[in-house]
N, C-alpha and C. Protein backbone atom coordinates (compact mmCIF):
# COMPACT_ATOMS: atom_id res chain seq x y z
N UNK A 1 0.81 -1.18 0.00
CA UNK A 1 0.00 0.00 0.00
C UNK A 1 0.86 1.26 0.00
N UNK A 2 1.89 1.31 0.82
CA UNK A 2 2.73 2.49 0.89
C UNK A 2 3.62 2.54 -0.35
N UNK A 3 3.10 3.08 -1.41
CA UNK A 3 3.79 3.11 -2.68
C UNK A 3 4.18 4.55 -2.99
N UNK A 4 5.46 4.79 -3.14
CA UNK A 4 5.93 6.14 -3.42
C UNK A 4 5.76 6.50 -4.89
N UNK A 5 5.54 5.52 -5.76
CA UNK A 5 5.31 5.79 -7.17
C UNK A 5 3.81 5.93 -7.38
N UNK A 6 3.42 6.99 -8.05
CA UNK A 6 2.01 7.24 -8.27
C UNK A 6 1.61 6.77 -9.66
N UNK A 7 0.42 6.24 -9.76
CA UNK A 7 -0.07 5.78 -11.06
C UNK A 7 -0.50 6.98 -11.89
N UNK A 8 -0.82 6.71 -13.15
CA UNK A 8 -1.26 7.78 -14.05
C UNK A 8 -2.55 8.41 -13.57
N UNK A 9 -3.40 7.64 -12.89
CA UNK A 9 -4.66 8.17 -12.38
C UNK A 9 -4.38 9.25 -11.34
N UNK A 10 -3.36 9.05 -10.54
CA UNK A 10 -3.03 10.02 -9.50
C UNK A 10 -2.40 11.26 -10.12
N UNK A 11 -1.54 11.05 -11.10
CA UNK A 11 -0.83 12.18 -11.69
C UNK A 11 -1.72 13.05 -12.56
N UNK A 12 -2.77 12.51 -13.11
CA UNK A 12 -3.71 13.26 -13.95
C UNK A 12 -5.04 13.38 -13.22
N UNK A 13 -5.13 14.29 -12.29
CA UNK A 13 -6.37 14.47 -11.52
C UNK A 13 -7.42 15.11 -12.40
N UNK A 14 -8.59 14.61 -12.31
CA UNK A 14 -9.73 15.16 -13.04
C UNK A 14 -10.84 15.46 -12.03
N UNK A 15 -11.72 16.40 -12.33
CA UNK A 15 -12.85 16.63 -11.43
C UNK A 15 -13.69 15.38 -11.30
N UNK A 16 -14.19 15.12 -10.10
CA UNK A 16 -14.94 13.91 -9.83
C UNK A 16 -16.41 14.23 -9.65
N UNK A 17 -17.24 13.27 -10.00
CA UNK A 17 -18.68 13.31 -9.80
C UNK A 17 -19.32 14.53 -10.46
N UNK A 18 -18.69 15.04 -11.47
CA UNK A 18 -19.24 16.14 -12.23
C UNK A 18 -19.07 15.84 -13.71
N UNK A 19 -20.06 16.18 -14.46
CA UNK A 19 -19.94 16.10 -15.92
C UNK A 19 -19.71 17.52 -16.41
N UNK A 20 -18.59 17.71 -17.05
CA UNK A 20 -18.28 19.04 -17.54
C UNK A 20 -18.83 19.20 -18.95
N UNK A 21 -19.66 20.17 -19.13
CA UNK A 21 -20.15 20.46 -20.47
C UNK A 21 -19.16 21.39 -21.15
N UNK A 22 -19.45 21.69 -22.38
CA UNK A 22 -18.56 22.60 -23.11
C UNK A 22 -18.56 23.99 -22.50
N UNK A 23 -19.70 24.40 -21.94
CA UNK A 23 -19.77 25.73 -21.32
C UNK A 23 -18.86 25.82 -20.11
N UNK A 24 -18.84 24.77 -19.29
CA UNK A 24 -17.98 24.78 -18.11
C UNK A 24 -16.52 24.76 -18.53
N UNK A 25 -16.20 23.96 -19.53
CA UNK A 25 -14.82 23.93 -20.01
C UNK A 25 -14.41 25.30 -20.55
N UNK A 26 -15.33 25.97 -21.21
CA UNK A 26 -15.05 27.31 -21.72
C UNK A 26 -14.79 28.27 -20.55
N UNK A 27 -15.58 28.14 -19.48
CA UNK A 27 -15.36 29.00 -18.32
C UNK A 27 -14.00 28.73 -17.69
N UNK A 28 -13.61 27.46 -17.63
CA UNK A 28 -12.30 27.13 -17.08
C UNK A 28 -11.18 27.68 -17.96
N UNK A 29 -11.38 27.65 -19.26
CA UNK A 29 -10.38 28.24 -20.16
C UNK A 29 -10.30 29.74 -19.95
N UNK A 30 -11.45 30.38 -19.69
CA UNK A 30 -11.45 31.82 -19.42
C UNK A 30 -10.64 32.14 -18.17
N UNK A 31 -10.70 31.26 -17.18
CA UNK A 31 -9.92 31.46 -15.96
C UNK A 31 -8.44 31.41 -16.29
N UNK A 32 -8.06 30.43 -17.11
CA UNK A 32 -6.65 30.33 -17.48
C UNK A 32 -6.21 31.55 -18.28
N UNK A 33 -7.09 32.08 -19.14
CA UNK A 33 -6.75 33.28 -19.91
C UNK A 33 -6.64 34.49 -19.00
N UNK A 34 -7.39 34.48 -17.88
CA UNK A 34 -7.35 35.62 -16.96
C UNK A 34 -5.97 35.78 -16.35
N UNK A 35 -5.22 34.69 -16.26
CA UNK A 35 -3.86 34.80 -15.75
C UNK A 35 -2.96 35.52 -16.74
N UNK A 36 -3.20 35.26 -18.03
CA UNK A 36 -2.33 35.82 -19.06
C UNK A 36 -2.73 37.24 -19.44
N UNK A 37 -4.03 37.50 -19.43
CA UNK A 37 -4.51 38.80 -19.88
C UNK A 37 -5.15 39.54 -18.71
N UNK A 38 -4.63 40.68 -18.32
CA UNK A 38 -5.18 41.41 -17.18
C UNK A 38 -6.60 41.92 -17.42
N UNK A 39 -7.04 41.96 -18.69
CA UNK A 39 -8.39 42.41 -18.98
C UNK A 39 -9.42 41.46 -18.37
N UNK A 40 -9.08 40.18 -18.35
CA UNK A 40 -9.98 39.16 -17.81
C UNK A 40 -9.77 38.91 -16.32
N UNK A 41 -9.01 39.73 -15.66
CA UNK A 41 -8.69 39.50 -14.25
C UNK A 41 -9.92 39.57 -13.34
N UNK A 42 -10.95 40.29 -13.74
CA UNK A 42 -12.15 40.36 -12.91
C UNK A 42 -12.88 39.03 -12.86
N UNK A 43 -12.73 38.21 -13.89
CA UNK A 43 -13.38 36.89 -13.91
C UNK A 43 -12.68 35.92 -12.97
N UNK A 44 -11.44 36.19 -12.65
CA UNK A 44 -10.64 35.26 -11.88
C UNK A 44 -11.26 34.96 -10.52
N UNK A 45 -11.74 35.95 -9.81
CA UNK A 45 -12.28 35.72 -8.48
C UNK A 45 -13.65 35.05 -8.51
N UNK A 46 -14.43 35.26 -9.57
CA UNK A 46 -15.76 34.68 -9.65
C UNK A 46 -15.71 33.19 -9.92
N UNK A 47 -14.71 32.71 -10.59
CA UNK A 47 -14.70 31.34 -11.07
C UNK A 47 -13.89 30.39 -10.21
N UNK A 48 -13.72 30.70 -8.97
CA UNK A 48 -13.07 29.78 -8.05
C UNK A 48 -14.13 28.86 -7.46
N UNK A 49 -13.75 27.63 -7.13
CA UNK A 49 -14.74 26.71 -6.53
C UNK A 49 -15.04 27.13 -5.09
N UNK A 50 -16.14 26.62 -4.58
CA UNK A 50 -16.45 26.88 -3.17
C UNK A 50 -15.56 26.01 -2.30
N UNK A 51 -15.34 26.44 -1.07
CA UNK A 51 -14.37 25.77 -0.19
C UNK A 51 -14.80 24.36 0.19
N UNK A 52 -16.11 24.08 0.23
CA UNK A 52 -16.56 22.76 0.64
C UNK A 52 -16.79 21.81 -0.53
N UNK A 53 -16.38 22.18 -1.71
CA UNK A 53 -16.54 21.33 -2.89
C UNK A 53 -15.54 20.18 -2.86
N UNK A 54 -15.94 19.04 -3.44
CA UNK A 54 -15.01 17.91 -3.47
C UNK A 54 -13.90 18.12 -4.49
N UNK A 55 -14.09 19.10 -5.36
CA UNK A 55 -13.08 19.40 -6.38
C UNK A 55 -12.24 20.61 -6.02
N UNK A 56 -12.27 21.03 -4.77
CA UNK A 56 -11.54 22.22 -4.34
C UNK A 56 -10.36 21.84 -3.46
N UNK A 57 -9.34 22.67 -3.55
CA UNK A 57 -8.17 22.52 -2.69
C UNK A 57 -7.72 23.92 -2.29
N UNK A 58 -7.28 24.06 -1.06
CA UNK A 58 -6.78 25.35 -0.59
C UNK A 58 -5.27 25.34 -0.78
N UNK A 59 -4.79 26.32 -1.49
CA UNK A 59 -3.36 26.44 -1.77
C UNK A 59 -2.62 26.67 -0.45
N UNK A 60 -1.58 25.91 -0.22
CA UNK A 60 -0.81 26.04 1.01
C UNK A 60 0.04 27.31 1.01
N UNK A 61 0.29 27.85 -0.17
CA UNK A 61 1.15 29.02 -0.28
C UNK A 61 0.36 30.32 -0.09
N UNK A 62 -0.71 30.51 -0.90
CA UNK A 62 -1.44 31.77 -0.84
C UNK A 62 -2.76 31.67 -0.09
N UNK A 63 -3.27 30.45 0.15
CA UNK A 63 -4.51 30.27 0.89
C UNK A 63 -5.77 30.39 0.06
N UNK A 64 -5.65 30.59 -1.23
CA UNK A 64 -6.81 30.69 -2.11
C UNK A 64 -7.35 29.30 -2.45
N UNK A 65 -8.63 29.24 -2.78
CA UNK A 65 -9.27 27.99 -3.18
C UNK A 65 -9.08 27.81 -4.69
N UNK A 66 -8.66 26.62 -5.09
CA UNK A 66 -8.46 26.30 -6.51
C UNK A 66 -9.12 24.97 -6.81
N UNK A 67 -9.26 24.68 -8.09
CA UNK A 67 -9.75 23.38 -8.51
C UNK A 67 -8.65 22.35 -8.33
N UNK A 68 -9.04 21.16 -7.87
CA UNK A 68 -8.05 20.11 -7.59
C UNK A 68 -7.41 19.57 -8.86
N UNK A 69 -8.07 19.76 -9.99
CA UNK A 69 -7.53 19.26 -11.25
C UNK A 69 -6.42 20.14 -11.81
N UNK A 70 -6.22 21.31 -11.23
CA UNK A 70 -5.16 22.20 -11.71
C UNK A 70 -3.81 21.73 -11.18
N UNK A 71 -2.80 21.80 -12.02
CA UNK A 71 -1.46 21.44 -11.57
C UNK A 71 -0.83 22.54 -10.73
N UNK A 72 -1.10 23.80 -11.11
CA UNK A 72 -0.50 24.93 -10.41
C UNK A 72 -1.59 25.91 -9.97
N UNK A 73 -1.37 26.50 -8.83
CA UNK A 73 -2.25 27.56 -8.35
C UNK A 73 -1.97 28.82 -9.17
N UNK A 74 -2.84 29.79 -9.07
CA UNK A 74 -2.64 31.04 -9.80
C UNK A 74 -1.45 31.82 -9.24
N UNK A 75 -1.04 31.49 -8.04
CA UNK A 75 0.14 32.15 -7.47
C UNK A 75 1.43 31.45 -7.88
N UNK A 76 1.30 30.27 -8.53
CA UNK A 76 2.48 29.54 -9.00
C UNK A 76 2.83 28.33 -8.15
N UNK A 77 2.11 28.11 -7.06
CA UNK A 77 2.39 26.96 -6.19
C UNK A 77 1.96 25.67 -6.88
N UNK A 78 2.74 24.59 -6.68
CA UNK A 78 2.48 23.30 -7.34
C UNK A 78 1.42 22.53 -6.55
N UNK A 79 0.16 22.56 -7.02
CA UNK A 79 -0.96 21.94 -6.31
C UNK A 79 -0.94 20.42 -6.40
N UNK A 80 -0.50 19.88 -7.53
CA UNK A 80 -0.48 18.41 -7.66
C UNK A 80 0.45 17.79 -6.62
N UNK A 81 1.56 18.43 -6.37
CA UNK A 81 2.48 17.95 -5.34
C UNK A 81 1.88 18.08 -3.95
N UNK A 82 1.09 19.13 -3.74
CA UNK A 82 0.42 19.31 -2.45
C UNK A 82 -0.59 18.19 -2.21
N UNK A 83 -1.33 17.81 -3.26
CA UNK A 83 -2.30 16.72 -3.14
C UNK A 83 -1.58 15.41 -2.87
N UNK A 84 -0.48 15.18 -3.55
CA UNK A 84 0.29 13.95 -3.31
C UNK A 84 0.84 13.90 -1.90
N UNK A 85 1.30 15.04 -1.39
CA UNK A 85 1.79 15.09 -0.01
C UNK A 85 0.67 14.81 0.99
N UNK A 86 -0.52 15.37 0.72
CA UNK A 86 -1.67 15.10 1.58
C UNK A 86 -2.03 13.62 1.55
N UNK A 87 -1.96 13.01 0.37
CA UNK A 87 -2.27 11.58 0.23
C UNK A 87 -1.28 10.73 1.03
N UNK A 88 0.00 11.04 0.91
CA UNK A 88 1.01 10.27 1.65
C UNK A 88 0.84 10.45 3.15
N UNK A 89 0.49 11.67 3.60
CA UNK A 89 0.25 11.90 5.03
C UNK A 89 -0.99 11.13 5.49
N UNK A 90 -2.04 11.10 4.68
CA UNK A 90 -3.26 10.35 5.01
C UNK A 90 -2.95 8.86 5.11
N UNK A 91 -2.19 8.36 4.16
CA UNK A 91 -1.82 6.95 4.17
C UNK A 91 -0.96 6.62 5.38
N UNK A 92 -0.04 7.50 5.71
CA UNK A 92 0.82 7.31 6.88
C UNK A 92 0.00 7.33 8.17
N UNK A 93 -1.00 8.21 8.25
CA UNK A 93 -1.88 8.25 9.42
C UNK A 93 -2.67 6.95 9.57
N UNK A 94 -3.13 6.40 8.44
CA UNK A 94 -3.85 5.12 8.50
C UNK A 94 -2.97 4.02 9.08
N UNK A 95 -1.72 3.95 8.61
CA UNK A 95 -0.81 2.91 9.08
C UNK A 95 -0.45 3.12 10.55
N UNK A 96 -0.21 4.39 10.94
CA UNK A 96 0.09 4.67 12.35
C UNK A 96 -1.08 4.31 13.27
N UNK A 97 -2.29 4.62 12.82
CA UNK A 97 -3.48 4.29 13.61
C UNK A 97 -3.61 2.78 13.76
N UNK A 98 -3.36 2.06 12.67
CA UNK A 98 -3.44 0.60 12.74
C UNK A 98 -2.38 0.03 13.68
N UNK A 99 -1.16 0.54 13.58
CA UNK A 99 -0.09 0.05 14.46
C UNK A 99 -0.40 0.32 15.93
N UNK A 100 -0.95 1.50 16.22
CA UNK A 100 -1.31 1.84 17.60
C UNK A 100 -2.43 0.92 18.09
N UNK A 101 -3.45 0.71 17.26
CA UNK A 101 -4.54 -0.19 17.65
C UNK A 101 -4.06 -1.62 17.83
N UNK A 102 -3.13 -2.06 16.97
CA UNK A 102 -2.60 -3.42 17.08
C UNK A 102 -1.84 -3.60 18.39
N UNK A 103 -1.07 -2.59 18.79
CA UNK A 103 -0.32 -2.68 20.05
C UNK A 103 -1.27 -2.68 21.25
N UNK A 104 -2.28 -1.81 21.23
CA UNK A 104 -3.25 -1.77 22.33
C UNK A 104 -4.03 -3.08 22.42
N UNK A 105 -4.41 -3.62 21.28
CA UNK A 105 -5.17 -4.87 21.25
C UNK A 105 -4.32 -6.02 21.76
N UNK A 106 -3.05 -6.05 21.40
CA UNK A 106 -2.17 -7.12 21.87
C UNK A 106 -2.06 -7.11 23.39
N UNK A 107 -1.98 -5.91 23.98
CA UNK A 107 -1.91 -5.81 25.44
C UNK A 107 -3.19 -6.31 26.10
N UNK A 108 -4.34 -5.93 25.53
CA UNK A 108 -5.62 -6.36 26.10
C UNK A 108 -5.82 -7.86 25.93
N UNK A 109 -5.36 -8.40 24.80
CA UNK A 109 -5.56 -9.83 24.55
C UNK A 109 -4.69 -10.70 25.44
N UNK A 110 -3.59 -10.15 25.94
CA UNK A 110 -2.77 -10.92 26.89
C UNK A 110 -3.59 -11.29 28.12
N UNK A 111 -4.35 -10.31 28.63
CA UNK A 111 -5.18 -10.56 29.80
C UNK A 111 -6.27 -11.59 29.50
N UNK A 112 -6.86 -11.50 28.32
CA UNK A 112 -7.92 -12.44 27.96
C UNK A 112 -7.35 -13.86 27.83
N UNK A 113 -6.18 -13.98 27.28
CA UNK A 113 -5.58 -15.31 27.11
C UNK A 113 -5.16 -15.91 28.45
N UNK A 114 -4.71 -15.04 29.34
CA UNK A 114 -4.39 -15.54 30.68
C UNK A 114 -5.67 -15.98 31.39
N UNK A 115 -6.76 -15.25 31.18
CA UNK A 115 -8.03 -15.62 31.80
C UNK A 115 -8.56 -16.93 31.24
N UNK A 116 -8.24 -17.23 29.97
CA UNK A 116 -8.71 -18.49 29.39
C UNK A 116 -8.02 -19.71 30.02
N UNK A 117 -6.90 -19.47 30.68
CA UNK A 117 -6.23 -20.58 31.38
C UNK A 117 -7.05 -21.08 32.57
N UNK A 118 -8.02 -20.28 32.99
CA UNK A 118 -8.88 -20.72 34.11
C UNK A 118 -9.73 -21.92 33.71
N UNK A 119 -9.90 -22.15 32.41
CA UNK A 119 -10.69 -23.30 31.94
C UNK A 119 -9.87 -24.59 31.96
N UNK A 120 -8.58 -24.48 32.03
CA UNK A 120 -7.70 -25.66 31.96
C UNK A 120 -7.95 -26.68 33.07
N UNK A 121 -8.12 -26.30 34.33
CA UNK A 121 -8.35 -27.32 35.37
C UNK A 121 -9.62 -28.15 35.13
N UNK A 122 -10.63 -27.55 34.52
CA UNK A 122 -11.87 -28.29 34.27
C UNK A 122 -11.65 -29.41 33.25
N UNK A 123 -10.78 -29.17 32.27
CA UNK A 123 -10.52 -30.19 31.26
C UNK A 123 -9.50 -31.22 31.75
N UNK A 124 -8.53 -30.78 32.55
CA UNK A 124 -7.52 -31.71 33.07
C UNK A 124 -8.14 -32.68 34.07
N UNK A 125 -9.09 -32.22 34.85
CA UNK A 125 -9.71 -33.10 35.85
C UNK A 125 -10.36 -34.31 35.20
N UNK A 126 -10.91 -34.15 34.00
CA UNK A 126 -11.55 -35.27 33.30
C UNK A 126 -10.53 -36.36 33.00
N UNK A 127 -9.33 -35.97 32.58
CA UNK A 127 -8.31 -36.96 32.29
C UNK A 127 -7.83 -37.67 33.56
N UNK A 128 -7.67 -36.91 34.64
CA UNK A 128 -7.29 -37.54 35.91
C UNK A 128 -8.38 -38.50 36.38
N UNK A 129 -9.60 -38.13 36.21
CA UNK A 129 -10.71 -38.98 36.62
C UNK A 129 -10.73 -40.27 35.79
N UNK A 130 -10.42 -40.17 34.51
CA UNK A 130 -10.39 -41.35 33.64
C UNK A 130 -9.23 -42.26 34.03
N UNK A 131 -8.09 -41.68 34.38
CA UNK A 131 -6.94 -42.51 34.78
C UNK A 131 -7.15 -43.15 36.15
N UNK A 132 -7.69 -42.38 37.08
CA UNK A 132 -7.86 -42.90 38.43
C UNK A 132 -9.08 -43.81 38.55
N UNK A 133 -10.13 -43.50 37.81
CA UNK A 133 -11.37 -44.25 37.94
C UNK A 133 -11.46 -45.43 37.00
N UNK A 134 -10.60 -45.53 36.01
CA UNK A 134 -10.61 -46.65 35.09
C UNK A 134 -11.56 -46.46 33.92
N UNK A 135 -12.42 -45.52 33.92
CA UNK A 135 -13.35 -45.28 32.82
C UNK A 135 -14.05 -43.95 33.03
N UNK A 136 -14.67 -43.48 31.99
CA UNK A 136 -15.36 -42.20 32.11
C UNK A 136 -16.84 -42.42 32.31
N UNK A 137 -17.36 -41.72 33.24
CA UNK A 137 -18.77 -41.76 33.51
C UNK A 137 -19.37 -40.46 32.95
N UNK A 138 -20.30 -40.54 31.96
CA UNK A 138 -20.82 -39.33 31.34
C UNK A 138 -21.52 -38.39 32.30
N UNK A 139 -22.08 -38.90 33.36
CA UNK A 139 -22.79 -38.02 34.29
C UNK A 139 -21.82 -37.17 35.10
N UNK A 140 -20.62 -37.63 35.32
CA UNK A 140 -19.64 -36.81 36.05
C UNK A 140 -18.75 -36.01 35.11
N UNK A 141 -18.73 -36.35 33.83
CA UNK A 141 -17.88 -35.65 32.86
C UNK A 141 -18.48 -34.30 32.48
N UNK A 142 -19.77 -34.26 32.18
CA UNK A 142 -20.39 -33.03 31.71
C UNK A 142 -20.36 -31.90 32.73
N UNK A 143 -20.56 -32.15 33.99
CA UNK A 143 -20.47 -31.02 34.92
C UNK A 143 -19.08 -30.37 34.96
N UNK A 144 -18.06 -31.11 34.55
CA UNK A 144 -16.72 -30.55 34.51
C UNK A 144 -16.42 -29.90 33.16
N UNK A 145 -16.99 -30.40 32.09
CA UNK A 145 -16.72 -29.84 30.76
C UNK A 145 -17.46 -28.52 30.55
N UNK A 146 -18.69 -28.42 31.02
CA UNK A 146 -19.50 -27.23 30.77
C UNK A 146 -18.89 -25.93 31.30
N UNK A 147 -18.40 -25.88 32.55
CA UNK A 147 -17.78 -24.62 32.99
C UNK A 147 -16.53 -24.26 32.18
N UNK A 148 -15.74 -25.27 31.82
CA UNK A 148 -14.55 -25.01 31.00
C UNK A 148 -14.92 -24.47 29.63
N UNK A 149 -15.97 -25.05 29.02
CA UNK A 149 -16.41 -24.56 27.72
C UNK A 149 -17.01 -23.16 27.83
N UNK A 150 -17.71 -22.89 28.92
CA UNK A 150 -18.29 -21.55 29.11
C UNK A 150 -17.19 -20.50 29.26
N UNK A 151 -16.13 -20.84 29.99
CA UNK A 151 -15.02 -19.89 30.16
C UNK A 151 -14.33 -19.64 28.83
N UNK A 152 -14.07 -20.70 28.07
CA UNK A 152 -13.42 -20.53 26.77
C UNK A 152 -14.30 -19.75 25.79
N UNK A 153 -15.61 -20.03 25.82
CA UNK A 153 -16.53 -19.29 24.95
C UNK A 153 -16.59 -17.82 25.29
N UNK A 154 -16.63 -17.50 26.58
CA UNK A 154 -16.65 -16.12 27.02
C UNK A 154 -15.36 -15.40 26.61
N UNK A 155 -14.24 -16.08 26.76
CA UNK A 155 -12.96 -15.48 26.36
C UNK A 155 -12.91 -15.26 24.85
N UNK A 156 -13.48 -16.18 24.06
CA UNK A 156 -13.50 -16.00 22.61
C UNK A 156 -14.37 -14.81 22.21
N UNK A 157 -15.50 -14.62 22.89
CA UNK A 157 -16.37 -13.48 22.59
C UNK A 157 -15.68 -12.17 22.96
N UNK A 158 -15.03 -12.14 24.10
CA UNK A 158 -14.30 -10.94 24.52
C UNK A 158 -13.18 -10.64 23.54
N UNK A 159 -12.47 -11.67 23.10
CA UNK A 159 -11.38 -11.48 22.14
C UNK A 159 -11.90 -10.91 20.82
N UNK A 160 -13.07 -11.36 20.39
CA UNK A 160 -13.66 -10.86 19.16
C UNK A 160 -14.01 -9.38 19.29
N UNK A 161 -14.60 -8.98 20.42
CA UNK A 161 -14.94 -7.57 20.63
C UNK A 161 -13.70 -6.70 20.75
N UNK A 162 -12.68 -7.20 21.44
CA UNK A 162 -11.47 -6.41 21.64
C UNK A 162 -10.73 -6.21 20.33
N UNK A 163 -10.70 -7.22 19.47
CA UNK A 163 -9.94 -7.12 18.22
C UNK A 163 -10.75 -6.56 17.06
N UNK A 164 -11.99 -6.14 17.27
CA UNK A 164 -12.84 -5.64 16.17
C UNK A 164 -12.27 -4.35 15.57
N UNK A 165 -11.85 -3.40 16.40
CA UNK A 165 -11.29 -2.14 15.89
C UNK A 165 -9.99 -2.38 15.13
N UNK A 166 -9.16 -3.27 15.66
CA UNK A 166 -7.91 -3.57 14.98
C UNK A 166 -8.16 -4.21 13.62
N UNK A 167 -9.12 -5.12 13.55
CA UNK A 167 -9.44 -5.77 12.29
C UNK A 167 -10.02 -4.78 11.28
N UNK A 168 -10.87 -3.87 11.76
CA UNK A 168 -11.43 -2.85 10.86
C UNK A 168 -10.34 -1.92 10.36
N UNK A 169 -9.39 -1.60 11.21
CA UNK A 169 -8.27 -0.75 10.82
C UNK A 169 -7.39 -1.46 9.79
N UNK A 170 -7.16 -2.75 9.98
CA UNK A 170 -6.37 -3.51 9.01
C UNK A 170 -7.06 -3.56 7.66
N UNK A 171 -8.38 -3.70 7.68
CA UNK A 171 -9.15 -3.71 6.43
C UNK A 171 -9.05 -2.34 5.74
N UNK A 172 -9.10 -1.26 6.53
CA UNK A 172 -8.99 0.08 5.96
C UNK A 172 -7.62 0.31 5.35
N UNK A 173 -6.58 -0.20 5.99
CA UNK A 173 -5.22 -0.05 5.45
C UNK A 173 -5.08 -0.83 4.15
N UNK A 174 -5.63 -2.04 4.12
CA UNK A 174 -5.52 -2.88 2.92
C UNK A 174 -6.30 -2.31 1.74
N UNK A 175 -7.45 -1.71 2.01
CA UNK A 175 -8.30 -1.23 0.92
C UNK A 175 -8.12 0.25 0.62
N UNK A 176 -7.16 0.90 1.23
CA UNK A 176 -6.95 2.33 1.01
C UNK A 176 -6.54 2.58 -0.44
N UNK A 177 -7.17 3.57 -1.04
CA UNK A 177 -6.84 3.93 -2.42
C UNK A 177 -6.88 5.45 -2.56
N UNK A 178 -6.36 5.91 -3.67
CA UNK A 178 -6.33 7.35 -3.92
C UNK A 178 -7.74 7.90 -4.09
N UNK A 179 -8.62 7.16 -4.71
CA UNK A 179 -10.01 7.60 -4.86
C UNK A 179 -10.69 7.74 -3.50
N UNK A 180 -10.42 6.82 -2.60
CA UNK A 180 -10.99 6.92 -1.25
C UNK A 180 -10.46 8.17 -0.55
N UNK A 181 -9.18 8.45 -0.73
CA UNK A 181 -8.60 9.65 -0.14
C UNK A 181 -9.29 10.90 -0.68
N UNK A 182 -9.52 10.96 -1.99
CA UNK A 182 -10.17 12.12 -2.58
C UNK A 182 -11.60 12.26 -2.09
N UNK A 183 -12.27 11.15 -1.83
CA UNK A 183 -13.63 11.20 -1.33
C UNK A 183 -13.67 11.70 0.11
N UNK A 184 -12.72 11.27 0.94
CA UNK A 184 -12.68 11.65 2.35
C UNK A 184 -12.05 13.02 2.59
N UNK A 185 -11.34 13.55 1.61
CA UNK A 185 -10.61 14.80 1.77
C UNK A 185 -11.46 15.97 2.24
N UNK A 186 -12.62 16.26 1.65
CA UNK A 186 -13.40 17.41 2.14
C UNK A 186 -13.87 17.22 3.58
N UNK A 187 -14.16 16.00 3.99
CA UNK A 187 -14.59 15.74 5.36
C UNK A 187 -13.44 16.01 6.32
N UNK A 188 -12.23 15.62 5.94
CA UNK A 188 -11.07 15.82 6.80
C UNK A 188 -10.74 17.29 6.95
N UNK A 189 -10.87 18.06 5.87
CA UNK A 189 -10.54 19.48 5.96
C UNK A 189 -11.55 20.22 6.82
N UNK A 190 -12.83 19.81 6.79
CA UNK A 190 -13.84 20.43 7.65
C UNK A 190 -13.57 20.12 9.11
N UNK A 191 -13.14 18.89 9.40
CA UNK A 191 -12.85 18.50 10.78
C UNK A 191 -11.65 19.24 11.31
N UNK A 192 -10.60 19.41 10.48
CA UNK A 192 -9.39 20.07 10.95
C UNK A 192 -9.61 21.57 11.16
N UNK A 193 -10.56 22.18 10.44
CA UNK A 193 -10.84 23.60 10.63
C UNK A 193 -11.56 23.84 11.94
N UNK A 194 -12.42 22.90 12.36
CA UNK A 194 -13.20 23.08 13.60
C UNK A 194 -12.39 22.75 14.77
């Protein structure tokens, strides 16, 4: 998952969940012309995306909102590199979160596994009874097996609940993709602002 080489999909960002008509493309071309021709500079401020749009990115250099599909901000800052840096930081955060959850879960599971040893005397007694008594009597075997099975079952249920967050985190790390990052990006920026 931690791949420093980006695929062509990552390097060529396109607006998502929007169908661009010819009119919208013409407006975007007008924005690009506004950089070259000062006559069109008044259009520049009107044609920026809104801050909560999924296709918007805030330039780290000037703080202006730009379209995520642009390689460079109007101030000259390299936006594609900024998106890639955000992606790598997001991916690193996922892995760090998983590692932290895995360590916490391992500590909690030690206690559960030690507690499961409480079932061992119930199962060992059956073998001693068979050796000492010469045979197994089903009426005396079940009262000893049931508490041992109940303890092991309870420990298995606790282990499942304790390891649920770790397993979900491992699934998130395995299935992490650039598209998922782009989808979660506006939610993350809103959370970090508050």
